[in-house]
Amino acid sequence: EVAGSSGPALILRSVFNELNRGRDVRPLYFSDALIKRRVCIDDA
């Protein structure tokens, strides 16, 4: 009964803690090419 949230996600969190140790994490890049649109949830 090992699922993604009970096994690999915990390892993933530890890996990121180690990778980001001693550095400032920045927000993700947000491209100007993206356009926000309102969509229906049931059929997009």
PDB file of all heavy atoms in Angstrom:
ATOM      1  N   GLU A   1       0.799  -1.226   0.000  1.00  0.00           N
ATOM      2  CA  GLU A   1       0.000   0.000   0.000  1.00  0.00           C
ATOM      3  C   GLU A   1       0.834   1.280   0.000  1.00  0.00           C
ATOM      4  O   GLU A   1       0.524   2.239   0.699  1.00  0.00           O
ATOM      5  CB  GLU A   1      -0.999  -0.021   1.152  1.00  0.00           C
ATOM      6  CG  GLU A   1      -1.987  -1.168   1.007  1.00  0.00           C
ATOM      7  CD  GLU A   1      -3.117  -1.100   2.018  1.00  0.00           C
ATOM      8  OE1 GLU A   1      -3.361  -0.028   2.598  1.00  0.00           O
ATOM      9  OE2 GLU A   1      -3.760  -2.139   2.215  1.00  0.00           O
ATOM     10  N   VAL A   2       1.903   1.298  -0.791  1.00  0.00           N
ATOM     11  CA  VAL A   2       2.711   2.505  -0.964  1.00  0.00           C
ATOM     12  C   VAL A   2       2.176   3.237  -2.189  1.00  0.00           C
ATOM     13  O   VAL A   2       2.177   2.704  -3.288  1.00  0.00           O
ATOM     14  CB  VAL A   2       4.203   2.180  -1.156  1.00  0.00           C
ATOM     15  CG1 VAL A   2       4.993   3.439  -1.444  1.00  0.00           C
ATOM     16  CG2 VAL A   2       4.750   1.466   0.074  1.00  0.00           C
ATOM     17  N   ALA A   3       1.666   4.441  -1.980  1.00  0.00           N
ATOM     18  CA  ALA A   3       1.147   5.268  -3.065  1.00  0.00           C
ATOM     19  C   ALA A   3       2.070   6.468  -3.255  1.00  0.00           C
ATOM     20  O   ALA A   3       2.978   6.696  -2.456  1.00  0.00           O
ATOM     21  CB  ALA A   3      -0.275   5.720  -2.733  1.00  0.00           C
ATOM     22  N   GLY A   4       1.829   7.249  -4.307  1.00  0.00           N
ATOM     23  CA  GLY A   4       2.660   8.414  -4.586  1.00  0.00           C
ATOM     24  C   GLY A   4       2.733   9.390  -3.437  1.00  0.00           C
ATOM     25  O   GLY A   4       3.783   9.960  -3.144  1.00  0.00           O
ATOM     26  N   SER A   5       1.608   9.578  -2.735  1.00  0.00           N
ATOM     27  CA  SER A   5       1.587  10.555  -1.639  1.00  0.00           C
ATOM     28  C   SER A   5       2.217  10.025  -0.352  1.00  0.00           C
ATOM     29  O   SER A   5       2.652  10.801   0.488  1.00  0.00           O
ATOM     30  CB  SER A   5       0.151  10.994  -1.354  1.00  0.00           C
ATOM     31  OG  SER A   5      -0.629   9.875  -0.973  1.00  0.00           O
ATOM     32  N   SER A   6       2.292   8.706  -0.209  1.00  0.00           N
ATOM     33  CA  SER A   6       2.834   8.161   1.041  1.00  0.00           C
ATOM     34  C   SER A   6       4.279   7.693   0.922  1.00  0.00           C
ATOM     35  O   SER A   6       4.893   7.348   1.916  1.00  0.00           O
ATOM     36  CB  SER A   6       1.973   6.980   1.521  1.00  0.00           C
ATOM     37  OG  SER A   6       2.015   5.923   0.577  1.00  0.00           O
ATOM     38  N   GLY A   7       4.823   7.690  -0.279  1.00  0.00           N
ATOM     39  CA  GLY A   7       6.203   7.255  -0.459  1.00  0.00           C
ATOM     40  C   GLY A   7       7.027   8.281  -1.196  1.00  0.00           C
ATOM     41  O   GLY A   7       7.766   9.068  -0.594  1.00  0.00           O
ATOM     42  N   PRO A   8       6.919   8.322  -2.523  1.00  0.00           N
ATOM     43  CA  PRO A   8       7.763   9.208  -3.313  1.00  0.00           C
ATOM     44  C   PRO A   8       7.588  10.688  -2.993  1.00  0.00           C
ATOM     45  O   PRO A   8       8.555  11.449  -3.063  1.00  0.00           O
ATOM     46  CB  PRO A   8       7.354   8.930  -4.761  1.00  0.00           C
ATOM     47  CG  PRO A   8       6.520   7.732  -4.744  1.00  0.00           C
ATOM     48  CD  PRO A   8       6.102   7.458  -3.358  1.00  0.00           C
ATOM     49  N   ALA A   9       6.398  11.112  -2.618  1.00  0.00           N
ATOM     50  CA  ALA A   9       6.199  12.538  -2.309  1.00  0.00           C
ATOM     51  C   ALA A   9       7.028  12.959  -1.104  1.00  0.00           C
ATOM     52  O   ALA A   9       7.554  14.077  -1.063  1.00  0.00           O
ATOM     53  CB  ALA A   9       4.723  12.833  -2.070  1.00  0.00           C
ATOM     54  N   LEU A  10       7.166  12.077  -0.140  1.00  0.00           N
ATOM     55  CA  LEU A  10       7.981  12.396   1.037  1.00  0.00           C
ATOM     56  C   LEU A  10       9.457  12.492   0.654  1.00  0.00           C
ATOM     57  O   LEU A  10      10.182  13.372   1.134  1.00  0.00           O
ATOM     58  CB  LEU A  10       7.771  11.342   2.129  1.00  0.00           C
ATOM     59  CG  LEU A  10       6.320  11.187   2.622  1.00  0.00           C
ATOM     60  CD1 LEU A  10       6.214  10.011   3.592  1.00  0.00           C
ATOM     61  CD2 LEU A  10       5.835  12.469   3.255  1.00  0.00           C
ATOM     62  N   ILE A  11       9.895  11.599  -0.232  1.00  0.00           N
ATOM     63  CA  ILE A  11      11.279  11.656  -0.717  1.00  0.00           C
ATOM     64  C   ILE A  11      11.485  12.923  -1.537  1.00  0.00           C
ATOM     65  O   ILE A  11      12.491  13.619  -1.392  1.00  0.00           O
ATOM     66  CB  ILE A  11      11.616  10.401  -1.543  1.00  0.00           C
ATOM     67  CG1 ILE A  11      11.563   9.154  -0.642  1.00  0.00           C
ATOM     68  CG2 ILE A  11      12.978  10.531  -2.221  1.00  0.00           C
ATOM     69  CD1 ILE A  11      11.635   7.848  -1.400  1.00  0.00           C
ATOM     70  N   LEU A  12      10.514  13.232  -2.401  1.00  0.00           N
ATOM     71  CA  LEU A  12      10.581  14.429  -3.234  1.00  0.00           C
ATOM     72  C   LEU A  12      10.740  15.683  -2.375  1.00  0.00           C
ATOM     73  O   LEU A  12      11.562  16.546  -2.668  1.00  0.00           O
ATOM     74  CB  LEU A  12       9.321  14.529  -4.095  1.00  0.00           C
ATOM     75  CG  LEU A  12       9.245  15.645  -5.118  1.00  0.00           C
ATOM     76  CD1 LEU A  12      10.256  15.429  -6.224  1.00  0.00           C
ATOM     77  CD2 LEU A  12       7.841  15.724  -5.692  1.00  0.00           C
ATOM     78  N   ARG A  13       9.986  15.765  -1.310  1.00  0.00           N
ATOM     79  CA  ARG A  13      10.084  16.920  -0.403  1.00  0.00           C
ATOM     80  C   ARG A  13      11.489  17.008   0.197  1.00  0.00           C
ATOM     81  O   ARG A  13      12.077  18.091   0.268  1.00  0.00           O
ATOM     82  CB  ARG A  13       9.041  16.791   0.699  1.00  0.00           C
ATOM     83  CG  ARG A  13       9.041  17.938   1.641  1.00  0.00           C
ATOM     84  CD  ARG A  13       7.961  17.789   2.662  1.00  0.00           C
ATOM     85  NE  ARG A  13       8.008  18.893   3.591  1.00  0.00           N
ATOM     86  CZ  ARG A  13       7.305  18.955   4.690  1.00  0.00           C
ATOM     87  NH1 ARG A  13       6.476  17.989   4.999  1.00  0.00           N
ATOM     88  NH2 ARG A  13       7.412  19.973   5.498  1.00  0.00           N
ATOM     89  N   SER A  14      12.033  15.885   0.600  1.00  0.00           N
ATOM     90  CA  SER A  14      13.388  15.879   1.179  1.00  0.00           C
ATOM     91  C   SER A  14      14.434  16.279   0.147  1.00  0.00           C
ATOM     92  O   SER A  14      15.374  17.012   0.454  1.00  0.00           O
ATOM     93  CB  SER A  14      13.729  14.484   1.729  1.00  0.00           C
ATOM     94  OG  SER A  14      12.876  14.164   2.795  1.00  0.00           O
ATOM     95  N   VAL A  15      14.277  15.806  -1.084  1.00  0.00           N
ATOM     96  CA  VAL A  15      15.216  16.161  -2.152  1.00  0.00           C
ATOM     97  C   VAL A  15      15.193  17.669  -2.390  1.00  0.00           C
ATOM     98  O   VAL A  15      16.241  18.312  -2.483  1.00  0.00           O
ATOM     99  CB  VAL A  15      14.898  15.387  -3.449  1.00  0.00           C
ATOM    100  CG1 VAL A  15      15.681  15.943  -4.627  1.00  0.00           C
ATOM    101  CG2 VAL A  15      15.193  13.895  -3.262  1.00  0.00           C
ATOM    102  N   PHE A  16      13.993  18.250  -2.475  1.00  0.00           N
ATOM    103  CA  PHE A  16      13.905  19.693  -2.695  1.00  0.00           C
ATOM    104  C   PHE A  16      14.453  20.484  -1.501  1.00  0.00           C
ATOM    105  O   PHE A  16      15.078  21.531  -1.691  1.00  0.00           O
ATOM    106  CB  PHE A  16      12.471  20.129  -3.006  1.00  0.00           C
ATOM    107  CG  PHE A  16      12.163  20.056  -4.477  1.00  0.00           C
ATOM    108  CD1 PHE A  16      11.349  19.066  -4.972  1.00  0.00           C
ATOM    109  CD2 PHE A  16      12.711  20.973  -5.362  1.00  0.00           C
ATOM    110  CE1 PHE A  16      11.072  18.994  -6.324  1.00  0.00           C
ATOM    111  CE2 PHE A  16      12.443  20.904  -6.718  1.00  0.00           C
ATOM    112  CZ  PHE A  16      11.623  19.911  -7.198  1.00  0.00           C
ATOM    113  N   ASN A  17      14.237  20.006  -0.304  1.00  0.00           N
ATOM    114  CA  ASN A  17      14.821  20.677   0.863  1.00  0.00           C
ATOM    115  C   ASN A  17      16.342  20.724   0.747  1.00  0.00           C
ATOM    116  O   ASN A  17      16.972  21.737   1.045  1.00  0.00           O
ATOM    117  CB  ASN A  17      14.415  19.981   2.160  1.00  0.00           C
ATOM    118  CG  ASN A  17      13.007  20.296   2.575  1.00  0.00           C
ATOM    119  OD1 ASN A  17      12.412  21.272   2.123  1.00  0.00           O
ATOM    120  ND2 ASN A  17      12.432  19.452   3.420  1.00  0.00           N
ATOM    121  N   GLU A  18      16.939  19.634   0.291  1.00  0.00           N
ATOM    122  CA  GLU A  18      18.393  19.578   0.148  1.00  0.00           C
ATOM    123  C   GLU A  18      18.878  20.440  -1.026  1.00  0.00           C
ATOM    124  O   GLU A  18      19.851  21.168  -0.900  1.00  0.00           O
ATOM    125  CB  GLU A  18      18.844  18.125  -0.038  1.00  0.00           C
ATOM    126  CG  GLU A  18      20.325  17.924   0.036  1.00  0.00           C
ATOM    127  CD  GLU A  18      20.931  18.343   1.377  1.00  0.00           C
ATOM    128  OE1 GLU A  18      20.278  18.212   2.429  1.00  0.00           O
ATOM    129  OE2 GLU A  18      22.086  18.830   1.358  1.00  0.00           O
ATOM    130  N   LEU A  19      18.174  20.351  -2.166  1.00  0.00           N
ATOM    131  CA  LEU A  19      18.567  21.141  -3.337  1.00  0.00           C
ATOM    132  C   LEU A  19      18.479  22.644  -3.078  1.00  0.00           C
ATOM    133  O   LEU A  19      19.260  23.425  -3.618  1.00  0.00           O
ATOM    134  CB  LEU A  19      17.685  20.790  -4.547  1.00  0.00           C
ATOM    135  CG  LEU A  19      17.898  19.420  -5.177  1.00  0.00           C
ATOM    136  CD1 LEU A  19      16.822  19.145  -6.225  1.00  0.00           C
ATOM    137  CD2 LEU A  19      19.286  19.330  -5.813  1.00  0.00           C
ATOM    138  N   ASN A  20      17.516  23.046  -2.287  1.00  0.00           N
ATOM    139  CA  ASN A  20      17.283  24.475  -2.055  1.00  0.00           C
ATOM    140  C   ASN A  20      17.980  25.015  -0.811  1.00  0.00           C
ATOM    141  O   ASN A  20      17.859  26.199  -0.496  1.00  0.00           O
ATOM    142  CB  ASN A  20      15.782  24.747  -1.956  1.00  0.00           C
ATOM    143  CG  ASN A  20      15.082  24.484  -3.266  1.00  0.00           C
ATOM    144  OD1 ASN A  20      15.615  24.765  -4.325  1.00  0.00           O
ATOM    145  ND2 ASN A  20      13.896  23.916  -3.191  1.00  0.00           N
ATOM    146  N   ARG A  21      18.730  24.158  -0.121  1.00  0.00           N
ATOM    147  CA  ARG A  21      19.436  24.592   1.073  1.00  0.00           C
ATOM    148  C   ARG A  21      20.437  25.692   0.715  1.00  0.00           C
ATOM    149  O   ARG A  21      21.217  25.565  -0.221  1.00  0.00           O
ATOM    150  CB  ARG A  21      20.189  23.427   1.707  1.00  0.00           C
ATOM    151  CG  ARG A  21      20.875  23.807   3.019  1.00  0.00           C
ATOM    152  CD  ARG A  21      21.669  22.660   3.547  1.00  0.00           C
ATOM    153  NE  ARG A  21      20.758  21.517   3.704  1.00  0.00           N
ATOM    154  CZ  ARG A  21      20.937  20.565   4.588  1.00  0.00           C
ATOM    155  NH1 ARG A  21      21.971  20.587   5.365  1.00  0.00           N
ATOM    156  NH2 ARG A  21      20.084  19.577   4.672  1.00  0.00           N
ATOM    157  N   GLY A  22      20.371  26.808   1.395  1.00  0.00           N
ATOM    158  CA  GLY A  22      21.326  27.894   1.212  1.00  0.00           C
ATOM    159  C   GLY A  22      21.083  28.736  -0.037  1.00  0.00           C
ATOM    160  O   GLY A  22      21.958  29.501  -0.442  1.00  0.00           O
ATOM    161  N   ARG A  23      19.941  28.626  -0.671  1.00  0.00           N
ATOM    162  CA  ARG A  23      19.649  29.473  -1.829  1.00  0.00           C
ATOM    163  C   ARG A  23      18.231  30.025  -1.709  1.00  0.00           C
ATOM    164  O   ARG A  23      17.363  29.420  -1.090  1.00  0.00           O
ATOM    165  CB  ARG A  23      19.823  28.727  -3.150  1.00  0.00           C
ATOM    166  CG  ARG A  23      18.692  27.826  -3.548  1.00  0.00           C
ATOM    167  CD  ARG A  23      18.924  27.219  -4.943  1.00  0.00           C
ATOM    168  NE  ARG A  23      17.685  26.716  -5.506  1.00  0.00           N
ATOM    169  CZ  ARG A  23      16.870  27.399  -6.297  1.00  0.00           C
ATOM    170  NH1 ARG A  23      17.150  28.634  -6.630  1.00  0.00           N
ATOM    171  NH2 ARG A  23      15.774  26.857  -6.763  1.00  0.00           N
ATOM    172  N   ASP A  24      18.034  31.183  -2.311  1.00  0.00           N
ATOM    173  CA  ASP A  24      16.703  31.787  -2.329  1.00  0.00           C
ATOM    174  C   ASP A  24      15.902  31.196  -3.477  1.00  0.00           C
ATOM    175  O   ASP A  24      16.354  31.194  -4.621  1.00  0.00           O
ATOM    176  CB  ASP A  24      16.792  33.310  -2.517  1.00  0.00           C
ATOM    177  CG  ASP A  24      17.377  33.993  -1.291  1.00  0.00           C
ATOM    178  OD1 ASP A  24      17.161  33.480  -0.171  1.00  0.00           O
ATOM    179  OD2 ASP A  24      18.056  35.021  -1.457  1.00  0.00           O
ATOM    180  N   VAL A  25      14.727  30.679  -3.165  1.00  0.00           N
ATOM    181  CA  VAL A  25      13.833  30.138  -4.192  1.00  0.00           C
ATOM    182  C   VAL A  25      13.036  31.291  -4.776  1.00  0.00           C
ATOM    183  O   VAL A  25      12.495  32.121  -4.049  1.00  0.00           O
ATOM    184  CB  VAL A  25      12.890  29.073  -3.588  1.00  0.00           C
ATOM    185  CG1 VAL A  25      11.942  28.549  -4.644  1.00  0.00           C
ATOM    186  CG2 VAL A  25      13.704  27.937  -2.989  1.00  0.00           C
ATOM    187  N   ARG A  26      12.997  31.353  -6.096  1.00  0.00           N
ATOM    188  CA  ARG A  26      12.277  32.428  -6.783  1.00  0.00           C
ATOM    189  C   ARG A  26      10.951  31.913  -7.315  1.00  0.00           C
ATOM    190  O   ARG A  26      10.780  30.713  -7.528  1.00  0.00           O
ATOM    191  CB  ARG A  26      13.121  32.962  -7.940  1.00  0.00           C
ATOM    192  CG  ARG A  26      14.422  33.616  -7.477  1.00  0.00           C
ATOM    193  CD  ARG A  26      15.176  34.151  -8.652  1.00  0.00           C
ATOM    194  NE  ARG A  26      15.297  33.104  -9.671  1.00  0.00           N
ATOM    195  CZ  ARG A  26      16.309  32.971 -10.491  1.00  0.00           C
ATOM    196  NH1 ARG A  26      17.297  33.818 -10.468  1.00  0.00           N
ATOM    197  NH2 ARG A  26      16.354  32.002 -11.374  1.00  0.00           N
ATOM    198  N   PRO A  27      10.016  32.836  -7.599  1.00  0.00           N
ATOM    199  CA  PRO A  27       8.753  32.413  -8.217  1.00  0.00           C
ATOM    200  C   PRO A  27       9.018  31.818  -9.603  1.00  0.00           C
ATOM    201  O   PRO A  27      10.030  32.129 -10.233  1.00  0.00           O
ATOM    202  CB  PRO A  27       7.940  33.701  -8.342  1.00  0.00           C
ATOM    203  CG  PRO A  27       8.643  34.719  -7.522  1.00  0.00           C
ATOM    204  CD  PRO A  27      10.048  34.262  -7.322  1.00  0.00           C
ATOM    205  N   LEU A  28       8.110  30.991 -10.072  1.00  0.00           N
ATOM    206  CA  LEU A  28       8.246  30.412 -11.399  1.00  0.00           C
ATOM    207  C   LEU A  28       8.096  31.493 -12.456  1.00  0.00           C
ATOM    208  O   LEU A  28       7.374  32.473 -12.280  1.00  0.00           O
ATOM    209  CB  LEU A  28       7.178  29.341 -11.619  1.00  0.00           C
ATOM    210  CG  LEU A  28       7.279  28.121 -10.714  1.00  0.00           C
ATOM    211  CD1 LEU A  28       6.091  27.200 -10.947  1.00  0.00           C
ATOM    212  CD2 LEU A  28       8.574  27.371 -10.970  1.00  0.00           C
ATOM    213  N   TYR A  29       8.776  31.304 -13.578  1.00  0.00           N
ATOM    214  CA  TYR A  29       8.682  32.218 -14.708  1.00  0.00           C
ATOM    215  C   TYR A  29       7.247  32.205 -15.227  1.00  0.00           C
ATOM    216  O   TYR A  29       6.636  31.146 -15.399  1.00  0.00           O
ATOM    217  CB  TYR A  29       9.656  31.791 -15.803  1.00  0.00           C
ATOM    218  CG  TYR A  29       9.463  32.535 -17.101  1.00  0.00           C
ATOM    219  CD1 TYR A  29       9.866  33.859 -17.227  1.00  0.00           C
ATOM    220  CD2 TYR A  29       8.855  31.927 -18.189  1.00  0.00           C
ATOM    221  CE1 TYR A  29       9.682  34.557 -18.408  1.00  0.00           C
ATOM    222  CE2 TYR A  29       8.672  32.614 -19.374  1.00  0.00           C
ATOM    223  CZ  TYR A  29       9.083  33.928 -19.479  1.00  0.00           C
ATOM    224  OH  TYR A  29       8.888  34.605 -20.643  1.00  0.00           O
ATOM    225  N   PHE A  30       6.701  33.363 -15.505  1.00  0.00           N
ATOM    226  CA  PHE A  30       5.352  33.488 -16.032  1.00  0.00           C
ATOM    227  C   PHE A  30       5.420  34.202 -17.374  1.00  0.00           C
ATOM    228  O   PHE A  30       5.695  35.395 -17.437  1.00  0.00           O
ATOM    229  CB  PHE A  30       4.475  34.273 -15.042  1.00  0.00           C
ATOM    230  CG  PHE A  30       3.015  34.132 -15.317  1.00  0.00           C
ATOM    231  CD1 PHE A  30       2.335  33.002 -14.913  1.00  0.00           C
ATOM    232  CD2 PHE A  30       2.333  35.125 -15.991  1.00  0.00           C
ATOM    233  CE1 PHE A  30       0.984  32.860 -15.172  1.00  0.00           C
ATOM    234  CE2 PHE A  30       0.988  34.995 -16.258  1.00  0.00           C
ATOM    235  CZ  PHE A  30       0.316  33.861 -15.850  1.00  0.00           C
ATOM    236  N   SER A  31       5.216  33.476 -18.442  1.00  0.00           N
ATOM    237  CA  SER A  31       5.382  34.000 -19.793  1.00  0.00           C
ATOM    238  C   SER A  31       4.303  35.018 -20.156  1.00  0.00           C
ATOM    239  O   SER A  31       3.130  34.841 -19.836  1.00  0.00           O
ATOM    240  CB  SER A  31       5.336  32.849 -20.799  1.00  0.00           C
ATOM    241  OG  SER A  31       5.334  33.352 -22.105  1.00  0.00           O
ATOM    242  N   ASP A  32       4.710  36.055 -20.882  1.00  0.00           N
ATOM    243  CA  ASP A  32       3.756  37.030 -21.411  1.00  0.00           C
ATOM    244  C   ASP A  32       2.896  36.434 -22.518  1.00  0.00           C
ATOM    245  O   ASP A  32       1.894  37.028 -22.914  1.00  0.00           O
ATOM    246  CB  ASP A  32       4.504  38.258 -21.963  1.00  0.00           C
ATOM    247  CG  ASP A  32       5.172  39.058 -20.863  1.00  0.00           C
ATOM    248  OD1 ASP A  32       4.706  38.991 -19.705  1.00  0.00           O
ATOM    249  OD2 ASP A  32       6.163  39.754 -21.164  1.00  0.00           O
ATOM    250  N   ALA A  33       3.296  35.267 -23.037  1.00  0.00           N
ATOM    251  CA  ALA A  33       2.535  34.621 -24.106  1.00  0.00           C
ATOM    252  C   ALA A  33       1.275  33.932 -23.580  1.00  0.00           C
ATOM    253  O   ALA A  33       0.449  33.471 -24.355  1.00  0.00           O
ATOM    254  CB  ALA A  33       3.404  33.617 -24.831  1.00  0.00           C
ATOM    255  N   LEU A  34       1.123  33.853 -22.258  1.00  0.00           N
ATOM    256  CA  LEU A  34      -0.057  33.207 -21.684  1.00  0.00           C
ATOM    257  C   LEU A  34      -1.242  34.162 -21.652  1.00  0.00           C
ATOM    258  O   LEU A  34      -1.093  35.340 -21.361  1.00  0.00           O
ATOM    259  CB  LEU A  34       0.245  32.706 -20.272  1.00  0.00           C
ATOM    260  CG  LEU A  34       1.279  31.593 -20.184  1.00  0.00           C
ATOM    261  CD1 LEU A  34       1.598  31.280 -18.728  1.00  0.00           C
ATOM    262  CD2 LEU A  34       0.788  30.343 -20.901  1.00  0.00           C
ATOM    263  N   ILE A  35      -2.408  33.618 -21.953  1.00  0.00           N
ATOM    264  CA  ILE A  35      -3.645  34.398 -21.975  1.00  0.00           C
ATOM    265  C   ILE A  35      -4.632  33.739 -21.018  1.00  0.00           C
ATOM    266  O   ILE A  35      -4.849  32.526 -21.081  1.00  0.00           O
ATOM    267  CB  ILE A  35      -4.253  34.414 -23.395  1.00  0.00           C
ATOM    268  CG1 ILE A  35      -3.285  35.064 -24.375  1.00  0.00           C
ATOM    269  CG2 ILE A  35      -5.602  35.105 -23.398  1.00  0.00           C
ATOM    270  CD1 ILE A  35      -3.705  34.921 -25.825  1.00  0.00           C
ATOM    271  N   LYS A  36      -5.235  34.549 -20.147  1.00  0.00           N
ATOM    272  CA  LYS A  36      -6.221  34.010 -19.205  1.00  0.00           C
ATOM    273  C   LYS A  36      -7.585  34.008 -19.869  1.00  0.00           C
ATOM    274  O   LYS A  36      -8.010  35.005 -20.445  1.00  0.00           O
ATOM    275  CB  LYS A  36      -6.247  34.836 -17.918  1.00  0.00           C
ATOM    276  CG  LYS A  36      -7.199  34.256 -16.881  1.00  0.00           C
ATOM    277  CD  LYS A  36      -7.003  34.771 -15.476  1.00  0.00           C
ATOM    278  CE  LYS A  36      -7.183  36.235 -15.320  1.00  0.00           C
ATOM    279  NZ  LYS A  36      -7.226  36.651 -13.904  1.00  0.00           N
ATOM    280  N   ARG A  37      -8.279  32.841 -19.796  1.00  0.00           N
ATOM    281  CA  ARG A  37      -9.620  32.699 -20.345  1.00  0.00           C
ATOM    282  C   ARG A  37     -10.505  32.000 -19.323  1.00  0.00           C
ATOM    283  O   ARG A  37     -10.052  31.150 -18.582  1.00  0.00           O
ATOM    284  CB  ARG A  37      -9.615  31.861 -21.630  1.00  0.00           C
ATOM    285  CG  ARG A  37      -8.957  32.526 -22.799  1.00  0.00           C
ATOM    286  CD  ARG A  37      -9.892  33.582 -23.395  1.00  0.00           C
ATOM    287  NE  ARG A  37      -9.373  34.104 -24.626  1.00  0.00           N
ATOM    288  CZ  ARG A  37      -8.780  35.291 -24.744  1.00  0.00           C
ATOM    289  NH1 ARG A  37      -8.622  36.060 -23.700  1.00  0.00           N
ATOM    290  NH2 ARG A  37      -8.341  35.706 -25.895  1.00  0.00           N
ATOM    291  N   ARG A  38     -11.760  32.372 -19.310  1.00  0.00           N
ATOM    292  CA  ARG A  38     -12.759  31.726 -18.459  1.00  0.00           C
ATOM    293  C   ARG A  38     -13.276  30.520 -19.223  1.00  0.00           C
ATOM    294  O   ARG A  38     -13.669  30.646 -20.392  1.00  0.00           O
ATOM    295  CB  ARG A  38     -13.895  32.704 -18.164  1.00  0.00           C
ATOM    296  CG  ARG A  38     -14.736  32.270 -17.037  1.00  0.00           C
ATOM    297  CD  ARG A  38     -14.395  33.158 -15.833  1.00  0.00           C
ATOM    298  NE  ARG A  38     -15.106  32.694 -14.678  1.00  0.00           N
ATOM    299  CZ  ARG A  38     -14.509  32.329 -13.569  1.00  0.00           C
ATOM    300  NH1 ARG A  38     -13.213  32.437 -13.457  1.00  0.00           N
ATOM    301  NH2 ARG A  38     -15.179  31.889 -12.555  1.00  0.00           N
ATOM    302  N   VAL A  39     -13.234  29.326 -18.625  1.00  0.00           N
ATOM    303  CA  VAL A  39     -13.686  28.107 -19.300  1.00  0.00           C
ATOM    304  C   VAL A  39     -14.690  27.368 -18.437  1.00  0.00           C
ATOM    305  O   VAL A  39     -14.689  27.472 -17.208  1.00  0.00           O
ATOM    306  CB  VAL A  39     -12.511  27.159 -19.648  1.00  0.00           C
ATOM    307  CG1 VAL A  39     -11.533  27.813 -20.595  1.00  0.00           C
ATOM    308  CG2 VAL A  39     -11.806  26.675 -18.404  1.00  0.00           C
ATOM    309  N   CYS A  40     -15.560  26.612 -19.114  1.00  0.00           N
ATOM    310  CA  CYS A  40     -16.508  25.754 -18.410  1.00  0.00           C
ATOM    311  C   CYS A  40     -15.743  24.585 -17.794  1.00  0.00           C
ATOM    312  O   CYS A  40     -14.856  24.017 -18.427  1.00  0.00           O
ATOM    313  CB  CYS A  40     -17.560  25.216 -19.363  1.00  0.00           C
ATOM    314  SG  CYS A  40     -18.697  26.469 -19.970  1.00  0.00           S
ATOM    315  N   ILE A  41     -16.099  24.224 -16.579  1.00  0.00           N
ATOM    316  CA  ILE A  41     -15.430  23.114 -15.905  1.00  0.00           C
ATOM    317  C   ILE A  41     -15.833  21.784 -16.523  1.00  0.00           C
ATOM    318  O   ILE A  41     -15.020  20.893 -16.683  1.00  0.00           O
ATOM    319  CB  ILE A  41     -15.737  23.133 -14.395  1.00  0.00           C
ATOM    320  CG1 ILE A  41     -15.069  24.357 -13.763  1.00  0.00           C
ATOM    321  CG2 ILE A  41     -15.290  21.843 -13.721  1.00  0.00           C
ATOM    322  CD1 ILE A  41     -15.440  24.600 -12.333  1.00  0.00           C
ATOM    323  N   ASP A  42     -17.094  21.648 -16.952  1.00  0.00           N
ATOM    324  CA  ASP A  42     -17.567  20.356 -17.433  1.00  0.00           C
ATOM    325  C   ASP A  42     -17.097  20.003 -18.834  1.00  0.00           C
ATOM    326  O   ASP A  42     -16.890  18.864 -19.150  1.00  0.00           O
ATOM    327  CB  ASP A  42     -19.082  20.258 -17.359  1.00  0.00           C
ATOM    328  CG  ASP A  42     -19.787  21.329 -18.183  1.00  0.00           C
ATOM    329  OD1 ASP A  42     -19.139  22.332 -18.527  1.00  0.00           O
ATOM    330  OD2 ASP A  42     -20.981  21.157 -18.480  1.00  0.00           O
ATOM    331  N   ASP A  43     -16.874  20.994 -19.726  1.00  0.00           N
ATOM    332  CA  ASP A  43     -16.468  20.633 -21.078  1.00  0.00           C
ATOM    333  C   ASP A  43     -15.370  21.510 -21.660  1.00  0.00           C
ATOM    334  O   ASP A  43     -15.032  21.386 -22.824  1.00  0.00           O
ATOM    335  CB  ASP A  43     -17.666  20.609 -22.024  1.00  0.00           C
ATOM    336  CG  ASP A  43     -18.239  21.989 -22.288  1.00  0.00           C
ATOM    337  OD1 ASP A  43     -17.682  22.980 -21.776  1.00  0.00           O
ATOM    338  OD2 ASP A  43     -19.239  22.066 -23.009  1.00  0.00           O
ATOM    339  N   ALA A  44     -14.785  22.393 -20.880  1.00  0.00           N
ATOM    340  CA  ALA A  44     -13.655  23.245 -21.280  1.00  0.00           C
ATOM    341  C   ALA A  44     -13.962  24.195 -22.426  1.00  0.00           C
ATOM    342  O   ALA A  44     -13.071  24.718 -23.047  1.00  0.00           O
ATOM    343  CB  ALA A  44     -12.432  22.398 -21.623  1.00  0.00           C
TER     344      ALA A  44
END
